[in-house]
Amino acid sequence: MTAAEIHVKIIVVVKEPDVRRFLTESAALKKQGDRNNINAVLQVSVQANKNLYGKIRRDDKMSPALEELMQDVIDERVEERVAH
């Protein structure tokens, strides 16, 4: 599955199994362009489905996948705070 295919799917995702599959499949994408696309889609999806992502974040099995997807964003924020 390509980042573009995942992007199309996530726009209509509202069910937990679909979000979990998105997170799992997205974690396998390693190219920087794909990661950038996934991060953009993830930000929109999280904003639209905050309660669902909160539930998934508390799940010990899915939390590492979500953390891996967001690691570059986390690193950027840490660097920004250290620089200030």
C-alpha atoms as a PDB file:
ATOM      1  CA  MET A   1       0.000   0.000   0.000  1.00  0.00           C
ATOM      2  CA  THR A   2       1.344   3.430  -0.893  1.00  0.00           C
ATOM      3  CA  ALA A   3       1.101   6.593   1.180  1.00  0.00           C
ATOM      4  CA  ALA A   4      -1.389   8.010  -1.338  1.00  0.00           C
ATOM      5  CA  GLU A   5      -3.648   4.963  -0.963  1.00  0.00           C
ATOM      6  CA  ILE A   6      -3.492   5.248   2.796  1.00  0.00           C
ATOM      7  CA  HIS A   7      -4.269   8.970   2.518  1.00  0.00           C
ATOM      8  CA  VAL A   8      -7.443   8.260   0.556  1.00  0.00           C
ATOM      9  CA  LYS A   9      -8.529   5.636   3.070  1.00  0.00           C
ATOM     10  CA  ILE A  10      -7.925   7.734   6.174  1.00  0.00           C
ATOM     11  CA  ILE A  11     -10.184  10.548   5.039  1.00  0.00           C
ATOM     12  CA  VAL A  12     -13.200   8.275   5.456  1.00  0.00           C
ATOM     13  CA  VAL A  13     -11.922   6.261   8.425  1.00  0.00           C
ATOM     14  CA  VAL A  14     -14.103   6.536  11.495  1.00  0.00           C
ATOM     15  CA  LYS A  15     -14.015   2.988  12.832  1.00  0.00           C
ATOM     16  CA  GLU A  16     -11.409   1.754  15.270  1.00  0.00           C
ATOM     17  CA  PRO A  17     -10.282  -1.331  13.281  1.00  0.00           C
ATOM     18  CA  ASP A  18      -9.584   0.891  10.273  1.00  0.00           C
ATOM     19  CA  VAL A  19      -7.532   3.349  12.325  1.00  0.00           C
ATOM     20  CA  ARG A  20      -5.559   0.504  13.892  1.00  0.00           C
ATOM     21  CA  ARG A  21      -4.834  -0.959  10.448  1.00  0.00           C
ATOM     22  CA  PHE A  22      -3.795   2.498   9.186  1.00  0.00           C
ATOM     23  CA  LEU A  23      -1.347   2.871  12.077  1.00  0.00           C
ATOM     24  CA  THR A  24       0.096  -0.595  11.580  1.00  0.00           C
ATOM     25  CA  GLU A  25       0.489  -0.250   7.806  1.00  0.00           C
ATOM     26  CA  SER A  26       1.824   3.295   8.093  1.00  0.00           C
ATOM     27  CA  ALA A  27       4.534   2.235  10.524  1.00  0.00           C
ATOM     28  CA  ALA A  28       5.987   0.046   7.761  1.00  0.00           C
ATOM     29  CA  LEU A  29       6.558   3.029   5.433  1.00  0.00           C
ATOM     30  CA  LYS A  30      10.128   4.249   5.771  1.00  0.00           C
ATOM     31  CA  LYS A  31      10.739   6.675   2.865  1.00  0.00           C
ATOM     32  CA  GLN A  32      10.888  10.270   4.058  1.00  0.00           C
ATOM     33  CA  GLY A  33       8.259  11.417   1.538  1.00  0.00           C
ATOM     34  CA  ASP A  34       5.892   8.688   2.694  1.00  0.00           C
ATOM     35  CA  ARG A  35       6.569   9.584   6.338  1.00  0.00           C
ATOM     36  CA  ASN A  36       5.802  13.245   5.638  1.00  0.00           C
ATOM     37  CA  ASN A  37       2.529  12.285   3.964  1.00  0.00           C
ATOM     38  CA  ILE A  38       1.594   9.948   6.783  1.00  0.00           C
ATOM     39  CA  ASN A  39       2.318  12.613   9.390  1.00  0.00           C
ATOM     40  CA  ALA A  40       0.104  15.098   7.556  1.00  0.00           C
ATOM     41  CA  VAL A  41      -2.721  12.589   7.275  1.00  0.00           C
ATOM     42  CA  LEU A  42      -2.272  11.520  10.875  1.00  0.00           C
ATOM     43  CA  GLN A  43      -2.561  15.091  12.121  1.00  0.00           C
ATOM     44  CA  VAL A  44      -5.856  15.578  10.274  1.00  0.00           C
ATOM     45  CA  SER A  45      -7.169  12.194  11.344  1.00  0.00           C
ATOM     46  CA  VAL A  46      -6.280  12.740  15.003  1.00  0.00           C
ATOM     47  CA  GLN A  47      -8.008  16.125  14.999  1.00  0.00           C
ATOM     48  CA  ALA A  48     -11.143  14.564  13.512  1.00  0.00           C
ATOM     49  CA  ASN A  49     -11.114  11.517  15.792  1.00  0.00           C
ATOM     50  CA  LYS A  50      -9.575  12.659  19.101  1.00  0.00           C
ATOM     51  CA  ASN A  51     -11.541  10.287  21.319  1.00  0.00           C
ATOM     52  CA  LEU A  52     -10.756   7.282  19.153  1.00  0.00           C
ATOM     53  CA  TYR A  53      -7.028   8.057  19.024  1.00  0.00           C
ATOM     54  CA  GLY A  54      -7.054   8.638  22.784  1.00  0.00           C
ATOM     55  CA  LYS A  55      -8.452   5.149  23.264  1.00  0.00           C
ATOM     56  CA  ILE A  56      -5.886   3.670  20.867  1.00  0.00           C
ATOM     57  CA  ARG A  57      -3.060   5.612  22.555  1.00  0.00           C
ATOM     58  CA  ARG A  58      -3.939   3.969  25.876  1.00  0.00           C
ATOM     59  CA  ASP A  59      -3.755   0.508  24.256  1.00  0.00           C
ATOM     60  CA  ASP A  60      -0.350  -1.018  25.076  1.00  0.00           C
ATOM     61  CA  LYS A  61      -0.244  -2.844  21.737  1.00  0.00           C
ATOM     62  CA  MET A  62      -0.994   0.149  19.503  1.00  0.00           C
ATOM     63  CA  SER A  63       0.821   2.853  21.432  1.00  0.00           C
ATOM     64  CA  PRO A  64       4.287   1.906  20.081  1.00  0.00           C
ATOM     65  CA  ALA A  65       3.005   2.127  16.486  1.00  0.00           C
ATOM     66  CA  LEU A  66       1.535   5.559  17.133  1.00  0.00           C
ATOM     67  CA  GLU A  67       4.723   6.700  18.859  1.00  0.00           C
ATOM     68  CA  GLU A  68       6.840   5.452  15.966  1.00  0.00           C
ATOM     69  CA  LEU A  69       4.698   7.343  13.475  1.00  0.00           C
ATOM     70  CA  MET A  70       4.969  10.543  15.475  1.00  0.00           C
ATOM     71  CA  GLN A  71       8.636  10.211  16.479  1.00  0.00           C
ATOM     72  CA  ASP A  72       9.945  12.778  13.990  1.00  0.00           C
ATOM     73  CA  VAL A  73       7.330  15.299  15.142  1.00  0.00           C
ATOM     74  CA  ILE A  74       8.230  14.604  18.771  1.00  0.00           C
ATOM     75  CA  ASP A  75      11.933  15.045  17.987  1.00  0.00           C
ATOM     76  CA  GLU A  76      11.275  18.365  16.215  1.00  0.00           C
ATOM     77  CA  ARG A  77       9.333  19.713  19.183  1.00  0.00           C
ATOM     78  CA  VAL A  78      12.015  18.654  21.628  1.00  0.00           C
ATOM     79  CA  GLU A  79      14.693  20.341  19.496  1.00  0.00           C
ATOM     80  CA  GLU A  80      12.629  23.535  19.308  1.00  0.00           C
ATOM     81  CA  ARG A  81      12.219  23.637  23.077  1.00  0.00           C
ATOM     82  CA  VAL A  82      15.900  22.946  23.703  1.00  0.00           C
ATOM     83  CA  ALA A  83      16.857  25.729  21.247  1.00  0.00           C
ATOM     84  CA  HIS A  84      14.757  28.299  23.121  1.00  0.00           C
END
